[in-house]
Amino acid sequence: QVQLVESGGGLVQAGGSLRLSCAAFGRTFSIYALGWFRQAPGKEREFVAAIGWSGGSTSHSDSAKGRFTISRDNAKNTVYLQMNSLKPEDTAVYYCASSARTVVPGDREDRYDYWGQGTQVTVSS
């Protein structure tokens, strides 16, 4: 199994920045890719970004492109989500997920195997 622990969420004003971290534990050798999703109150969970664990190929949702950047540190078994120019509509619980199926899981939730508990991001106007 893989355990994922997110951190770095908090309250920030619109236009500000946050960096989320997701540390992986356990059978990390089985990870092909890691992704970030988010769920706002009353809305479905949506894809934000994903990164291949070995090659580092990335994908970002349209809402994340140009503002959010996903990266990884293999030595620390950690993936990051740098979020800039935050907007109130970015307010959500952000979840980290790992895939042992493909290096390009993209926005397909069924391609992810393990999920973290989430970290709250609140952007005030």
Protein backbone atom coordinates (compact mmCIF):
# COMPACT_ATOMS: atom_id res chain seq x y z
CA GLN A 1 0.00 0.00 0.00
CA VAL A 2 0.88 3.63 -0.39
CA GLN A 3 0.08 6.32 2.15
CA LEU A 4 -0.17 9.93 1.02
CA VAL A 5 0.01 12.88 3.37
CA GLU A 6 -0.82 16.37 2.13
CA SER A 7 0.27 19.60 3.78
CA GLY A 8 0.61 23.29 3.03
CA GLY A 9 -3.01 24.34 2.83
CA GLY A 10 -4.34 27.41 4.58
CA LEU A 11 -6.00 30.78 4.23
CA VAL A 12 -4.62 33.22 1.68
CA GLN A 13 -5.85 36.42 0.08
CA ALA A 14 -6.75 36.56 -3.58
CA GLY A 15 -3.63 37.03 -5.68
CA GLY A 16 -1.47 35.21 -3.16
CA SER A 17 0.43 31.94 -3.40
CA LEU A 18 0.59 28.61 -1.62
CA ARG A 19 2.69 25.51 -2.10
CA LEU A 20 1.08 22.19 -1.31
CA SER A 21 3.15 19.12 -0.57
CA CYS A 22 2.24 15.45 -0.76
CA ALA A 23 4.59 12.96 0.86
CA ALA A 24 4.33 9.31 -0.13
CA PHE A 25 5.08 6.42 2.22
CA GLY A 26 5.00 2.67 1.98
CA ARG A 27 5.33 0.92 -1.39
CA THR A 28 6.53 4.03 -3.17
CA PHE A 29 8.40 1.93 -5.73
CA SER A 30 5.01 1.03 -7.18
CA ILE A 31 4.11 4.64 -7.99
CA TYR A 32 3.97 5.50 -11.68
CA ALA A 33 2.42 8.94 -11.31
CA LEU A 34 0.99 11.37 -8.76
CA GLY A 35 -1.83 13.81 -9.21
CA TRP A 36 -3.69 16.62 -7.50
CA PHE A 37 -7.46 16.93 -7.43
CA ARG A 38 -9.72 19.37 -5.61
CA GLN A 39 -13.28 19.47 -4.37
CA ALA A 40 -15.12 22.67 -3.61
CA PRO A 41 -18.22 22.70 -1.38
CA GLY A 42 -21.22 21.36 -3.24
CA LYS A 43 -19.20 20.43 -6.30
CA GLU A 44 -17.70 17.27 -7.73
CA ARG A 45 -14.04 16.53 -7.34
CA GLU A 46 -12.01 17.81 -10.28
CA PHE A 47 -8.56 17.21 -11.69
CA VAL A 48 -5.87 19.83 -11.20
CA ALA A 49 -2.53 18.40 -12.34
CA ALA A 50 -0.52 15.19 -12.61
CA ILE A 51 3.12 14.21 -13.02
CA GLY A 52 4.91 11.05 -14.06
CA TRP A 53 7.08 9.77 -11.25
CA SER A 54 10.09 8.77 -13.34
CA GLY A 55 10.00 10.85 -16.50
CA GLY A 56 8.35 13.88 -14.98
CA SER A 57 5.85 14.49 -17.76
CA THR A 58 3.08 16.77 -16.56
CA SER A 59 -0.50 17.65 -17.34
CA HIS A 60 -2.59 20.50 -15.98
CA SER A 61 -6.26 21.34 -16.14
CA ASP A 62 -7.28 24.41 -18.09
CA SER A 63 -8.02 26.24 -14.84
CA ALA A 64 -4.54 25.43 -13.53
CA LYS A 65 -2.49 26.24 -16.61
CA GLY A 66 -0.39 29.33 -16.21
CA ARG A 67 -1.03 29.60 -12.46
CA PHE A 68 -0.30 26.20 -10.91
CA THR A 69 2.80 24.07 -11.37
CA ILE A 70 3.23 20.46 -10.33
CA SER A 71 6.70 19.14 -9.55
CA ARG A 72 8.31 16.25 -7.71
CA ASP A 73 11.33 15.38 -5.60
CA ASN A 74 11.97 11.69 -6.01
CA ALA A 75 14.58 11.62 -3.26
CA LYS A 76 11.97 12.87 -0.80
CA ASN A 77 9.08 10.88 -2.31
CA THR A 78 7.19 14.15 -2.45
CA VAL A 79 5.14 15.95 -5.05
CA TYR A 80 4.37 19.66 -4.90
CA LEU A 81 1.71 21.95 -6.26
CA GLN A 82 2.83 25.56 -6.50
CA MET A 83 -0.25 27.75 -6.74
CA ASN A 84 0.10 31.40 -7.76
CA SER A 85 -2.40 34.15 -8.47
CA LEU A 86 -4.98 32.38 -6.37
CA LYS A 87 -8.64 33.22 -6.81
CA PRO A 88 -11.61 32.72 -4.47
CA GLU A 89 -12.87 30.02 -6.84
CA ASP A 90 -9.74 28.01 -6.04
CA THR A 91 -11.13 27.45 -2.56
CA ALA A 92 -11.44 23.70 -2.07
CA VAL A 93 -10.05 20.66 -0.35
CA TYR A 94 -7.02 19.55 -2.35
CA TYR A 95 -6.28 15.84 -2.59
CA CYS A 96 -3.18 13.99 -3.66
CA ALA A 97 -3.52 10.65 -5.45
CA SER A 98 -1.10 8.02 -6.72
CA SER A 99 -1.30 5.69 -9.68
CA ALA A 100 0.34 2.29 -10.00
CA ARG A 101 -1.25 1.74 -13.42
CA THR A 102 0.12 4.34 -15.80
CA VAL A 103 2.60 7.20 -16.04
CA VAL A 104 -0.08 9.37 -17.64
CA PRO A 105 -3.26 8.95 -15.57
CA GLY A 106 -4.38 12.46 -16.36
CA ASP A 107 -7.84 13.38 -15.09
CA ARG A 108 -9.17 9.82 -14.93
CA GLU A 109 -9.91 9.09 -11.26
CA ASP A 110 -10.23 5.38 -12.01
CA ARG A 111 -6.51 5.36 -12.90
CA TYR A 112 -5.53 6.34 -9.36
CA ASP A 113 -5.18 3.80 -6.59
CA TYR A 114 -4.50 5.68 -3.37
CA TRP A 115 -5.71 9.01 -2.05
CA GLY A 116 -4.63 11.30 0.75
CA GLN A 117 -6.92 12.86 3.35
CA GLY A 118 -6.83 16.28 1.74
CA THR A 119 -5.75 19.75 2.77
CA GLN A 120 -8.02 22.79 2.87
CA VAL A 121 -7.20 25.83 0.75
CA THR A 122 -9.28 28.94 1.34
CA VAL A 123 -8.83 32.04 -0.80
CA SER A 124 -10.44 35.22 0.50
CA SER A 125 -11.52 38.05 -1.77
